[in-house]
Amino acid sequence: MSLWVHEFRPSNFAELDLNERLTDNLRQLCTEEELPHLLLYGPPGSGKQTRVGACLQELFGAGSRRIKIESRQLDAGGSKKLEITMVSSVYHVEITPSEAGNQDRFVVQELLKEIAQTQQIDQNAKHRYKVVVINEADHLTREAQAALRRTMEIYTSNLRIVMVATSLSPIMEPIRSRTLLVRVPAPSEDEIAKVLQSIAAAKRVSVQSDAVLHKIAATSQRNMRKAILMLEAMYAQNEQLTESAVVPLADWEAVIKKEAFEIVKSPTTSKLAEVRGTNYELLSHCIPPQIILRTLLLQILPLVDAKAAPGIIEAAALFDHRIRLGTKAIFHLEAFVARVMNVLSSR
C-alpha cells in the first residue's frame, strides 16, 4: 500500500495537467535528436522530479521505469571511502552528490566519469547517450561544480546532465551557461485544490466543501506534495473532511512553531540553550538546516512588530549563506536565534 503522493504521481507528459505550456516545451525538447543539458529549478513541491521522470519516459519509454537502487563506494583520496546511494536503469542514473558533504567533488569526478565512459547497452535505444539526474544541484560545492563543468565539456557526446535545484543563485555561471534553464513555478492554490478534489473523488473521500481543500492548499504554502500528504493525514484521522477540521502539521513543523513562540516570548540566554537542544533534535531527524531556518523565520515574523522584521530577515539571509558555506549547521542556527533575541531585546 503506497502513499497517495506516489500513487497519483504522473508518470508521463499526458498525465501532467499543470503548467501545460511548460509541459509542451519539455515534450518538444525530448523529441529532438539532441537533448541539451537541463537545469530545472523551482520551489519544493512544484513538480520538478515529476517532469524529469516524464522526460525519461518520453526519451526511453517504459524501460526508464525499471529501476534498481544500489550503494556504491568511491575513493576519496588515501584510504578514505565514500558511500553513495544511486537509483539507476539501463538508460539513466539518479544521484545526490550533496549526500557526501564537502567530499561531493569525488562523486562528480569518479562516478560521472565512469558513467560517461560506458556505452549504451540497449542497441535498439532511440538515443545513444545516458542521462544523469543530479538532485539538489544547488547544494554542490564550488569544487564539485567545477568538476561537473569539465565533465559536461569532455563527455557531452554520450552523456546528458539533468540537474534539479530549488534555487539558481548558488550554481556558478559556467554551469548555467552550459545548460538550458527551465523554471518550474509553484502551482496556485486553486490548482492544488483541483488536484486534491480529483484524488478525493478517486479515493471516495467525503469532502464537506471546497473550502477544506483550499485550506489545505493554503497551509501547504503551494507545495503539491505536502498538500497531498496533508489530505491523506486528515482522511486517516477522520474519513469525512469538514470545514472545521484542523489541517495537521508535520511533527517537525509543530516543534519549530512552538520554538518560534518561545523565542519571541522569552529572548533570554537560558531559552537559547533550550532552543539549541531542540535544533540538535531536528537535525538528528534529518531535517535540513536551511529548512529549519526558513520555517523558523516564517513562524517568527507574524509574532513580531513591523520594526523588528527587517533585522530578523537580514539575519536569516546572512546565516542561510553561512550554513551553505560552513560545515556545522548548529552553530549558524544558534547564532540566528541569538541575533533574533538581540533584535527583540533592543526594542
Protein backbone atom coordinates (compact mmCIF):
# COMPACT_ATOMS: atom_id res chain seq x y z
CA MET A 1 0.00 0.00 0.00
CA SER A 2 1.65 3.20 -1.20
CA LEU A 3 1.12 6.79 -0.16
CA TRP A 4 -1.28 8.81 -2.27
CA VAL A 5 1.54 11.17 -3.26
CA HIS A 6 3.20 8.21 -5.04
CA GLU A 7 0.01 6.54 -6.24
CA PHE A 8 -1.24 9.65 -8.06
CA ARG A 9 2.11 10.91 -9.30
CA PRO A 10 2.03 11.43 -13.10
CA SER A 11 4.39 9.14 -15.00
CA ASN A 12 4.34 10.81 -18.43
CA PHE A 13 3.55 14.10 -20.13
CA ALA A 14 -0.01 13.06 -20.97
CA GLU A 15 -0.88 12.81 -17.27
CA LEU A 16 0.56 16.23 -16.38
CA ASP A 17 -2.21 18.80 -16.15
CA LEU A 18 -0.35 21.74 -14.57
CA ASN A 19 1.71 24.34 -16.45
CA GLU A 20 0.69 22.96 -19.84
CA ARG A 21 2.93 25.34 -21.77
CA LEU A 22 5.98 24.11 -19.84
CA THR A 23 4.93 20.51 -20.42
CA ASP A 24 4.63 21.10 -24.18
CA ASN A 25 8.08 22.73 -24.30
CA LEU A 26 9.72 19.82 -22.48
CA ARG A 27 7.94 17.30 -24.70
CA GLN A 28 9.25 19.13 -27.77
CA LEU A 29 12.80 19.07 -26.37
CA CYS A 30 12.61 15.33 -25.80
CA THR A 31 11.53 14.66 -29.38
CA GLU A 32 14.58 16.44 -30.80
CA GLU A 33 17.61 14.40 -31.80
CA GLU A 34 20.00 16.19 -29.43
CA LEU A 35 18.74 16.91 -25.93
CA PRO A 36 20.65 19.76 -24.23
CA HIS A 37 21.84 19.62 -20.65
CA LEU A 38 18.92 20.75 -18.47
CA LEU A 39 18.65 22.62 -15.18
CA LEU A 40 15.17 22.51 -13.65
CA TYR A 41 14.69 24.88 -10.74
CA GLY A 42 11.75 25.95 -8.63
CA PRO A 43 10.27 25.77 -5.12
CA PRO A 44 9.71 22.44 -3.31
CA GLY A 45 6.62 20.54 -4.41
CA SER A 46 6.35 22.29 -7.78
CA GLY A 47 6.81 19.10 -9.81
CA LYS A 48 10.46 19.16 -10.88
CA GLN A 49 11.13 15.48 -10.22
CA THR A 50 7.84 14.51 -11.83
CA ARG A 51 8.80 16.34 -15.01
CA VAL A 52 12.22 14.73 -15.04
CA GLY A 53 10.52 11.33 -14.85
CA ALA A 54 8.21 12.31 -17.71
CA CYS A 55 11.23 13.37 -19.79
CA LEU A 56 12.90 9.99 -19.23
CA GLN A 57 9.67 8.21 -20.18
CA GLU A 58 9.47 10.24 -23.39
CA LEU A 59 13.13 9.61 -24.23
CA PHE A 60 13.48 5.91 -23.43
CA GLY A 61 9.98 4.52 -22.91
CA ALA A 62 8.89 2.18 -20.13
CA GLY A 63 12.45 0.92 -19.63
CA SER A 64 13.31 4.06 -17.67
CA ARG A 65 10.83 2.88 -15.00
CA ARG A 66 12.61 -0.42 -14.42
CA ILE A 67 14.96 0.87 -11.80
CA LYS A 68 17.23 -0.53 -9.11
CA ILE A 69 18.69 1.07 -6.00
CA GLU A 70 22.30 0.35 -5.20
CA SER A 71 25.02 1.61 -2.89
CA ARG A 72 28.45 2.44 -4.29
CA GLN A 73 31.78 3.04 -2.62
CA LEU A 74 34.11 5.62 -4.14
CA ASP A 75 37.70 6.53 -3.39
CA ALA A 76 38.05 9.90 -1.68
CA GLY A 77 41.83 10.03 -1.61
CA GLY A 78 44.13 7.88 0.51
CA SER A 79 42.28 5.21 2.42
CA LYS A 80 39.02 7.19 2.65
CA LYS A 81 35.89 5.73 1.13
CA LEU A 82 32.63 7.46 0.26
CA GLU A 83 29.34 5.58 0.15
CA ILE A 84 26.60 6.97 -2.04
CA THR A 85 23.16 5.65 -2.97
CA MET A 86 22.13 5.78 -6.61
CA VAL A 87 18.96 4.94 -8.49
CA SER A 88 19.53 3.62 -11.98
CA SER A 89 18.03 1.98 -15.02
CA VAL A 90 19.64 0.86 -18.26
CA TYR A 91 19.19 4.38 -19.60
CA HIS A 92 19.79 6.72 -16.68
CA VAL A 93 21.36 7.21 -13.26
CA GLU A 94 20.00 9.40 -10.47
CA ILE A 95 22.39 10.63 -7.78
CA THR A 96 22.53 13.18 -4.96
CA PRO A 97 26.21 14.17 -4.61
CA SER A 98 25.44 16.58 -1.75
CA GLU A 99 24.96 13.49 0.48
CA ALA A 100 28.75 13.31 0.57
CA GLY A 101 29.00 16.81 2.04
CA ASN A 102 32.28 18.58 1.26
CA GLN A 103 33.54 15.44 -0.49
CA ASP A 104 30.94 15.71 -3.25
CA ARG A 105 33.60 16.55 -5.83
CA PHE A 106 34.81 12.93 -5.70
CA VAL A 107 31.30 11.75 -6.56
CA VAL A 108 31.22 14.02 -9.58
CA GLN A 109 34.77 13.22 -10.68
CA GLU A 110 34.68 9.45 -10.28
CA LEU A 111 31.07 8.39 -10.76
CA LEU A 112 30.18 10.67 -13.67
CA LYS A 113 33.44 9.84 -15.43
CA GLU A 114 32.70 6.13 -15.07
CA ILE A 115 29.14 6.53 -16.38
CA ALA A 116 30.26 8.71 -19.28
CA GLN A 117 32.85 6.17 -20.42
CA THR A 118 30.34 3.31 -20.64
CA GLN A 119 28.38 2.66 -23.81
CA GLN A 120 24.62 2.26 -24.06
CA ILE A 121 23.73 -1.42 -23.56
CA ASP A 122 20.42 -1.38 -25.44
CA GLN A 123 21.34 -1.32 -29.13
CA ASN A 124 17.72 -0.51 -30.03
CA ALA A 125 17.56 2.60 -27.87
CA LYS A 126 16.45 5.76 -29.67
CA HIS A 127 19.29 7.76 -28.09
CA ARG A 128 22.91 6.72 -27.69
CA TYR A 129 23.58 8.82 -24.60
CA LYS A 130 22.88 8.15 -20.94
CA VAL A 131 21.11 10.65 -18.70
CA VAL A 132 22.48 11.53 -15.27
CA VAL A 133 19.98 13.22 -12.95
CA ILE A 134 21.66 15.28 -10.22
CA ASN A 135 19.37 16.13 -7.31
CA GLU A 136 19.98 19.13 -5.03
CA ALA A 137 22.35 20.67 -7.57
CA ASP A 138 22.25 23.97 -5.66
CA HIS A 139 23.92 22.21 -2.68
CA LEU A 140 27.03 21.24 -4.66
CA THR A 141 30.30 22.80 -3.50
CA ARG A 142 32.26 25.05 -5.85
CA GLU A 143 34.85 22.29 -6.37
CA ALA A 144 32.13 19.80 -7.35
CA GLN A 145 30.60 22.32 -9.75
CA ALA A 146 33.99 22.92 -11.37
CA ALA A 147 34.42 19.15 -11.83
CA LEU A 148 30.91 18.91 -13.24
CA ARG A 149 31.65 21.65 -15.75
CA ARG A 150 34.71 19.78 -17.05
CA THR A 151 32.70 16.55 -17.30
CA MET A 152 29.98 18.30 -19.31
CA GLU A 153 32.60 19.61 -21.75
CA ILE A 154 34.53 16.37 -22.24
CA TYR A 155 31.76 13.75 -22.35
CA THR A 156 28.91 15.66 -23.99
CA SER A 157 28.67 13.12 -26.85
CA ASN A 158 27.44 10.23 -24.69
CA LEU A 159 26.20 11.92 -21.52
CA ARG A 160 23.35 14.29 -20.73
CA ILE A 161 23.12 16.04 -17.38
CA VAL A 162 19.71 16.93 -15.91
CA MET A 163 20.05 18.96 -12.72
CA VAL A 164 17.28 19.65 -10.22
CA ALA A 165 17.58 22.62 -7.86
CA THR A 166 15.47 24.77 -5.61
CA SER A 167 17.49 27.96 -6.10
CA LEU A 168 19.52 29.11 -9.09
CA SER A 169 21.83 31.56 -7.32
CA PRO A 170 24.26 29.03 -5.71
CA ILE A 171 25.02 27.49 -9.12
CA MET A 172 28.06 29.00 -10.81
CA GLU A 173 27.68 30.87 -14.09
CA PRO A 174 29.76 28.41 -16.22
CA ILE A 175 27.28 25.66 -15.29
CA ARG A 176 24.24 27.80 -16.01
CA SER A 177 25.65 28.88 -19.39
CA ARG A 178 26.06 25.23 -20.44
CA THR A 179 22.51 24.20 -19.58
CA LEU A 180 19.01 25.08 -20.67
CA LEU A 181 17.36 26.71 -17.67
CA VAL A 182 13.80 25.53 -17.02
CA ARG A 183 11.86 27.29 -14.28
CA VAL A 184 9.11 25.18 -12.73
CA PRO A 185 6.74 27.53 -10.87
CA ALA A 186 4.77 26.51 -7.81
CA PRO A 187 1.13 25.62 -8.56
CA SER A 188 -1.53 28.07 -7.45
CA GLU A 189 -3.83 27.28 -4.53
CA ASP A 190 -6.73 26.80 -6.96
CA GLU A 191 -4.70 24.28 -8.98
CA ILE A 192 -3.75 22.38 -5.82
CA ALA A 193 -7.36 22.32 -4.66
CA LYS A 194 -8.41 20.94 -8.07
CA VAL A 195 -5.86 18.11 -7.83
CA LEU A 196 -6.94 17.35 -4.26
CA GLN A 197 -10.56 17.19 -5.42
CA SER A 198 -9.70 14.61 -8.09
CA ILE A 199 -7.75 12.50 -5.57
CA ALA A 200 -10.60 12.72 -3.05
CA ALA A 201 -13.05 11.59 -5.71
CA ALA A 202 -10.82 8.68 -6.73
CA LYS A 203 -10.43 7.57 -3.10
CA ARG A 204 -14.10 8.27 -2.27
CA VAL A 205 -13.20 10.75 0.44
CA SER A 206 -16.22 12.66 1.74
CA VAL A 207 -15.44 16.39 1.47
CA GLN A 208 -17.98 18.75 3.00
CA SER A 209 -17.00 21.71 0.81
CA ASP A 210 -14.20 23.00 -1.41
CA ALA A 211 -13.20 25.36 1.42
CA VAL A 212 -11.49 22.41 3.15
CA LEU A 213 -9.34 21.75 0.11
CA HIS A 214 -8.44 25.43 -0.21
CA LYS A 215 -7.47 25.46 3.47
CA ILE A 216 -5.11 22.54 2.83
CA ALA A 217 -3.66 24.31 -0.23
CA ALA A 218 -3.03 27.49 1.77
CA THR A 219 -1.42 25.61 4.66
CA SER A 220 0.86 23.70 2.29
CA GLN A 221 2.34 27.00 1.03
CA ARG A 222 1.67 25.92 -2.57
CA ASN A 223 3.62 22.68 -2.16
CA MET A 224 1.74 19.98 -4.06
CA ARG A 225 3.50 17.04 -2.43
CA LYS A 226 2.88 18.45 1.03
CA ALA A 227 -0.78 19.16 0.25
CA ILE A 228 -1.44 15.57 -0.84
CA LEU A 229 0.25 14.23 2.30
CA MET A 230 -1.93 16.56 4.40
CA LEU A 231 -5.08 15.34 2.66
CA GLU A 232 -4.18 11.71 3.37
CA ALA A 233 -3.33 12.52 7.01
CA MET A 234 -6.68 14.28 7.51
CA TYR A 235 -8.51 11.35 5.94
CA ALA A 236 -6.69 8.93 8.26
CA GLN A 237 -7.85 10.96 11.28
CA ASN A 238 -11.42 11.43 10.12
CA GLU A 239 -12.91 9.91 6.97
CA GLN A 240 -15.18 12.93 6.49
CA LEU A 241 -13.44 16.26 5.90
CA THR A 242 -15.42 19.15 7.35
CA GLU A 243 -14.76 22.89 7.28
CA SER A 244 -13.90 22.85 10.98
CA ALA A 245 -11.24 20.15 10.52
CA VAL A 246 -7.72 21.15 11.56
CA VAL A 247 -5.05 20.71 8.91
CA PRO A 248 -2.31 18.66 10.62
CA LEU A 249 1.25 19.93 10.53
CA ALA A 250 4.25 17.64 10.35
CA ASP A 251 5.77 16.90 13.75
CA TRP A 252 8.91 18.89 12.98
CA GLU A 253 6.85 21.89 11.84
CA ALA A 254 4.85 21.83 15.08
CA VAL A 255 8.13 21.74 17.04
CA ILE A 256 9.50 24.76 15.14
CA LYS A 257 6.23 26.64 15.59
CA LYS A 258 6.47 26.12 19.37
CA GLU A 259 10.15 27.08 19.29
CA ALA A 260 9.39 30.36 17.49
CA PHE A 261 6.75 31.27 20.09
CA GLU A 262 9.19 30.61 22.93
CA ILE A 263 11.94 32.69 21.29
CA VAL A 264 9.66 35.71 20.97
CA LYS A 265 8.12 35.25 24.40
CA SER A 266 11.39 34.81 26.31
CA PRO A 267 14.53 36.09 24.49
CA THR A 268 16.98 35.01 27.22
CA THR A 269 20.24 33.03 27.38
CA SER A 270 18.56 30.16 29.23
CA LYS A 271 15.96 29.90 26.46
CA LEU A 272 18.78 29.99 23.89
CA ALA A 273 20.25 26.86 25.48
CA GLU A 274 16.85 25.11 25.26
CA VAL A 275 16.47 26.09 21.60
CA ARG A 276 19.92 24.66 20.87
CA GLY A 277 18.77 21.27 22.12
CA THR A 278 15.62 21.47 20.01
CA ASN A 279 17.61 22.28 16.88
CA TYR A 280 20.01 19.40 17.60
CA GLU A 281 16.98 17.11 17.75
CA LEU A 282 15.63 18.41 14.44
CA LEU A 283 19.00 17.97 12.71
CA SER A 284 19.33 14.45 14.11
CA HIS A 285 15.99 13.62 12.44
CA CYS A 286 17.46 14.69 9.08
CA ILE A 287 15.57 17.98 8.75
CA PRO A 288 17.85 20.14 6.54
CA PRO A 289 19.22 23.23 8.33
CA GLN A 290 18.04 25.58 5.58
CA ILE A 291 14.50 24.26 6.02
CA ILE A 292 14.72 24.74 9.79
CA LEU A 293 15.95 28.31 9.33
CA ARG A 294 13.31 29.21 6.74
CA THR A 295 10.43 27.68 8.71
CA LEU A 296 11.62 29.36 11.91
CA LEU A 297 11.75 32.72 10.14
CA LEU A 298 8.23 32.33 8.73
CA GLN A 299 6.89 31.38 12.18
CA ILE A 300 8.66 34.27 13.96
CA LEU A 301 7.67 37.10 11.60
CA PRO A 302 3.90 37.08 12.39
CA LEU A 303 4.76 37.27 16.11
CA VAL A 304 6.92 40.42 15.99
CA ASP A 305 6.19 44.04 15.13
CA ALA A 306 6.99 45.61 11.76
CA LYS A 307 10.05 47.47 13.08
CA ALA A 308 11.80 44.27 14.17
CA ALA A 309 11.05 42.31 10.98
CA PRO A 310 13.77 43.85 8.70
CA GLY A 311 16.56 43.00 11.15
CA ILE A 312 15.31 39.43 11.54
CA ILE A 313 15.02 38.93 7.78
CA GLU A 314 18.55 40.30 7.28
CA ALA A 315 19.86 37.89 9.92
CA ALA A 316 18.11 34.96 8.23
CA ALA A 317 19.72 35.83 4.88
CA LEU A 318 23.16 36.11 6.48
CA PHE A 319 23.04 32.81 8.34
CA ASP A 320 21.44 30.97 5.44
CA HIS A 321 24.51 31.97 3.43
CA ARG A 322 26.84 30.86 6.23
CA ILE A 323 25.07 27.50 6.54
CA ARG A 324 25.83 26.86 2.86
CA LEU A 325 29.50 27.80 3.31
CA GLY A 326 30.12 26.13 6.69
CA THR A 327 30.08 22.58 7.99
CA LYS A 328 28.48 22.89 11.46
CA ALA A 329 24.91 23.99 10.83
CA ILE A 330 24.02 24.03 14.52
CA PHE A 331 26.41 26.94 15.11
CA HIS A 332 24.69 29.08 12.49
CA LEU A 333 21.18 28.16 13.63
CA GLU A 334 22.10 29.10 17.19
CA ALA A 335 23.70 32.35 16.00
CA PHE A 336 20.50 33.21 14.10
CA VAL A 337 18.38 32.63 17.20
CA ALA A 338 20.79 34.75 19.27
CA ARG A 339 20.58 37.55 16.70
CA VAL A 340 16.77 37.40 16.74
CA MET A 341 16.77 37.58 20.54
CA ASN A 342 19.13 40.55 20.40
CA VAL A 343 16.85 42.37 17.93
CA LEU A 344 13.80 41.71 20.13
CA SER A 345 15.58 42.72 23.36
CA SER A 346 16.78 46.01 21.92
CA ARG A 347 13.23 47.12 21.05
